[in-house]
Amino acid sequence: MSWLNKLPNSVRSASGLEWKLWRKLPLILLVGTALPLAAAVALHVTTDLQSASDARWLQTMDYVVAGVVIFHWSAVLTIAIGCVVVMLMKGPGYVADDPMEVSHSDKPRATAEPWEP
């Protein structure tokens, strides 16, 4: 039993920005991860740890880099989810195997109770 069946004569929309963005996401993820990590490595290489405050500052920068990387990953994931949703919406129409008639879609029920706030 298949969950969804394609609707006959359903029209697919032309692909647009979602596919261009979808193809660039791996590069965006890689560059957005590599740049902050390269900055962190450069900080570790060039910083002379003369005091405890220098070590604390360097550790704070490590936390900032980790936050930037995690924020970037979550942004890329959100964009990827949006691309998938748009791709699915532009695809062919589907219907369930057991469609239910909605009683209030075109003709309301005669026995419907009035809504009271």
C-alpha atoms as a PDB file:
ATOM      1  CA  MET A   1       0.000   0.000   0.000  1.00  0.00           C
ATOM      2  CA  SER A   2       1.455   3.326  -1.015  1.00  0.00           C
ATOM      3  CA  TRP A   3       0.835   6.317   1.184  1.00  0.00           C
ATOM      4  CA  LEU A   4       0.285   8.864  -1.535  1.00  0.00           C
ATOM      5  CA  ASN A   5      -0.790   8.693  -5.170  1.00  0.00           C
ATOM      6  CA  LYS A   6      -0.055  11.333  -7.775  1.00  0.00           C
ATOM      7  CA  LEU A   7      -3.039  13.340  -8.832  1.00  0.00           C
ATOM      8  CA  PRO A   8      -3.827  12.950 -12.510  1.00  0.00           C
ATOM      9  CA  ASN A   9      -3.069  16.022 -14.612  1.00  0.00           C
ATOM     10  CA  SER A  10      -1.199  17.741 -11.788  1.00  0.00           C
ATOM     11  CA  VAL A  11       1.191  20.426 -12.962  1.00  0.00           C
ATOM     12  CA  ARG A  12       4.716  20.801 -11.651  1.00  0.00           C
ATOM     13  CA  SER A  13       6.068  24.305 -11.178  1.00  0.00           C
ATOM     14  CA  ALA A  14       9.394  25.311 -12.654  1.00  0.00           C
ATOM     15  CA  SER A  15      12.383  25.040 -10.367  1.00  0.00           C
ATOM     16  CA  GLY A  16      13.867  28.253  -9.150  1.00  0.00           C
ATOM     17  CA  LEU A  17      16.146  29.579  -6.446  1.00  0.00           C
ATOM     18  CA  GLU A  18      15.655  26.537  -4.197  1.00  0.00           C
ATOM     19  CA  TRP A  19      17.659  24.223  -6.475  1.00  0.00           C
ATOM     20  CA  LYS A  20      20.460  26.764  -6.962  1.00  0.00           C
ATOM     21  CA  LEU A  21      20.687  27.219  -3.214  1.00  0.00           C
ATOM     22  CA  TRP A  22      20.392  23.467  -2.548  1.00  0.00           C
ATOM     23  CA  ARG A  23      23.407  22.786  -4.787  1.00  0.00           C
ATOM     24  CA  LYS A  24      25.501  25.475  -3.048  1.00  0.00           C
ATOM     25  CA  LEU A  25      24.687  24.394   0.517  1.00  0.00           C
ATOM     26  CA  PRO A  26      27.619  21.948   0.917  1.00  0.00           C
ATOM     27  CA  LEU A  27      30.083  24.650  -0.128  1.00  0.00           C
ATOM     28  CA  ILE A  28      28.381  27.199   2.127  1.00  0.00           C
ATOM     29  CA  LEU A  29      28.564  24.741   5.024  1.00  0.00           C
ATOM     30  CA  LEU A  30      32.233  23.976   4.392  1.00  0.00           C
ATOM     31  CA  VAL A  31      33.342  27.592   4.007  1.00  0.00           C
ATOM     32  CA  GLY A  32      31.253  28.780   6.942  1.00  0.00           C
ATOM     33  CA  THR A  33      32.851  26.140   9.135  1.00  0.00           C
ATOM     34  CA  ALA A  34      36.417  26.452   7.860  1.00  0.00           C
ATOM     35  CA  LEU A  35      36.733  30.240   8.195  1.00  0.00           C
ATOM     36  CA  PRO A  36      35.980  30.481  11.939  1.00  0.00           C
ATOM     37  CA  LEU A  37      38.107  27.398  12.628  1.00  0.00           C
ATOM     38  CA  ALA A  38      40.994  28.923  10.651  1.00  0.00           C
ATOM     39  CA  ALA A  39      40.614  32.112  12.684  1.00  0.00           C
ATOM     40  CA  ALA A  40      40.743  30.081  15.901  1.00  0.00           C
ATOM     41  CA  VAL A  41      43.878  28.259  14.762  1.00  0.00           C
ATOM     42  CA  ALA A  42      45.478  31.581  13.804  1.00  0.00           C
ATOM     43  CA  LEU A  43      44.654  32.971  17.255  1.00  0.00           C
ATOM     44  CA  HIS A  44      46.216  29.965  18.953  1.00  0.00           C
ATOM     45  CA  VAL A  45      49.367  30.193  16.831  1.00  0.00           C
ATOM     46  CA  THR A  46      49.906  33.932  17.180  1.00  0.00           C
ATOM     47  CA  THR A  47      48.901  34.484  20.814  1.00  0.00           C
ATOM     48  CA  ASP A  48      51.587  34.440  23.489  1.00  0.00           C
ATOM     49  CA  LEU A  49      50.142  33.263  26.766  1.00  0.00           C
ATOM     50  CA  GLN A  50      51.900  35.560  29.235  1.00  0.00           C
ATOM     51  CA  SER A  51      49.196  35.619  31.907  1.00  0.00           C
ATOM     52  CA  ALA A  52      46.022  33.960  33.042  1.00  0.00           C
ATOM     53  CA  SER A  53      43.954  36.748  31.481  1.00  0.00           C
ATOM     54  CA  ASP A  54      45.480  35.961  28.071  1.00  0.00           C
ATOM     55  CA  ALA A  55      44.554  32.305  28.473  1.00  0.00           C
ATOM     56  CA  ARG A  56      41.038  33.268  29.536  1.00  0.00           C
ATOM     57  CA  TRP A  57      40.684  35.581  26.522  1.00  0.00           C
ATOM     58  CA  LEU A  58      41.857  32.795  24.196  1.00  0.00           C
ATOM     59  CA  GLN A  59      39.398  30.350  25.760  1.00  0.00           C
ATOM     60  CA  THR A  60      36.608  32.918  25.352  1.00  0.00           C
ATOM     61  CA  MET A  61      37.500  33.236  21.674  1.00  0.00           C
ATOM     62  CA  ASP A  62      37.298  29.439  21.380  1.00  0.00           C
ATOM     63  CA  TYR A  63      33.777  29.579  22.785  1.00  0.00           C
ATOM     64  CA  VAL A  64      32.874  32.392  20.384  1.00  0.00           C
ATOM     65  CA  VAL A  65      34.176  30.368  17.423  1.00  0.00           C
ATOM     66  CA  ALA A  66      32.212  27.311  18.578  1.00  0.00           C
ATOM     67  CA  GLY A  67      29.078  29.443  18.866  1.00  0.00           C
ATOM     68  CA  VAL A  68      29.563  30.928  15.412  1.00  0.00           C
ATOM     69  CA  VAL A  69      30.066  27.477  13.873  1.00  0.00           C
ATOM     70  CA  ILE A  70      27.005  25.994  15.586  1.00  0.00           C
ATOM     71  CA  PHE A  71      24.913  29.021  14.612  1.00  0.00           C
ATOM     72  CA  HIS A  72      26.074  28.652  11.010  1.00  0.00           C
ATOM     73  CA  TRP A  73      25.208  24.937  10.968  1.00  0.00           C
ATOM     74  CA  SER A  74      21.731  25.644  12.315  1.00  0.00           C
ATOM     75  CA  ALA A  75      21.205  28.365   9.703  1.00  0.00           C
ATOM     76  CA  VAL A  76      22.299  26.028   6.893  1.00  0.00           C
ATOM     77  CA  LEU A  77      20.017  23.283   8.251  1.00  0.00           C
ATOM     78  CA  THR A  78      17.097  25.713   8.355  1.00  0.00           C
ATOM     79  CA  ILE A  79      17.741  26.805   4.777  1.00  0.00           C
ATOM     80  CA  ALA A  80      18.021  23.151   3.685  1.00  0.00           C
ATOM     81  CA  ILE A  81      14.652  22.353   5.284  1.00  0.00           C
ATOM     82  CA  GLY A  82      13.135  25.362   3.515  1.00  0.00           C
ATOM     83  CA  CYS A  83      14.567  24.206   0.172  1.00  0.00           C
ATOM     84  CA  VAL A  84      13.108  20.716   0.649  1.00  0.00           C
ATOM     85  CA  VAL A  85       9.698  22.132   1.542  1.00  0.00           C
ATOM     86  CA  VAL A  86       9.664  24.368  -1.541  1.00  0.00           C
ATOM     87  CA  MET A  87      10.806  21.464  -3.756  1.00  0.00           C
ATOM     88  CA  LEU A  88       7.989  19.291  -2.439  1.00  0.00           C
ATOM     89  CA  MET A  89       5.427  22.048  -2.863  1.00  0.00           C
ATOM     90  CA  LYS A  90       6.489  22.683  -6.481  1.00  0.00           C
ATOM     91  CA  GLY A  91       6.324  18.982  -7.341  1.00  0.00           C
ATOM     92  CA  PRO A  92       3.294  17.020  -8.512  1.00  0.00           C
ATOM     93  CA  GLY A  93       0.142  16.944  -6.420  1.00  0.00           C
ATOM     94  CA  TYR A  94      -0.524  13.924  -4.235  1.00  0.00           C
ATOM     95  CA  VAL A  95      -3.622  12.473  -2.624  1.00  0.00           C
ATOM     96  CA  ALA A  96      -3.964   9.925   0.154  1.00  0.00           C
ATOM     97  CA  ASP A  97      -5.246   6.396  -0.511  1.00  0.00           C
ATOM     98  CA  ASP A  98      -8.213   6.907   1.755  1.00  0.00           C
ATOM     99  CA  PRO A  99      -9.374  10.491   1.290  1.00  0.00           C
ATOM    100  CA  MET A 100     -11.958  11.730   3.772  1.00  0.00           C
ATOM    101  CA  GLU A 101     -14.749  13.986   2.716  1.00  0.00           C
ATOM    102  CA  VAL A 102     -14.713  17.174   4.754  1.00  0.00           C
ATOM    103  CA  SER A 103     -18.259  18.021   5.682  1.00  0.00           C
ATOM    104  CA  HIS A 104     -17.752  21.744   5.998  1.00  0.00           C
ATOM    105  CA  SER A 105     -15.587  22.346   2.937  1.00  0.00           C
ATOM    106  CA  ASP A 106     -18.244  23.405   0.422  1.00  0.00           C
ATOM    107  CA  LYS A 107     -21.514  22.764   2.220  1.00  0.00           C
ATOM    108  CA  PRO A 108     -21.792  23.223   5.971  1.00  0.00           C
ATOM    109  CA  ARG A 109     -23.655  20.606   7.944  1.00  0.00           C
ATOM    110  CA  ALA A 110     -27.236  21.480   8.760  1.00  0.00           C
ATOM    111  CA  THR A 111     -26.821  20.191  12.307  1.00  0.00           C
ATOM    112  CA  ALA A 112     -23.695  22.191  13.125  1.00  0.00           C
ATOM    113  CA  GLU A 113     -23.800  23.694  16.579  1.00  0.00           C
ATOM    114  CA  PRO A 114     -23.158  27.438  16.765  1.00  0.00           C
ATOM    115  CA  TRP A 115     -19.844  28.428  18.212  1.00  0.00           C
ATOM    116  CA  GLU A 116     -19.935  30.328  21.471  1.00  0.00           C
ATOM    117  CA  PRO A 117     -16.919  32.117  22.879  1.00  0.00           C
END
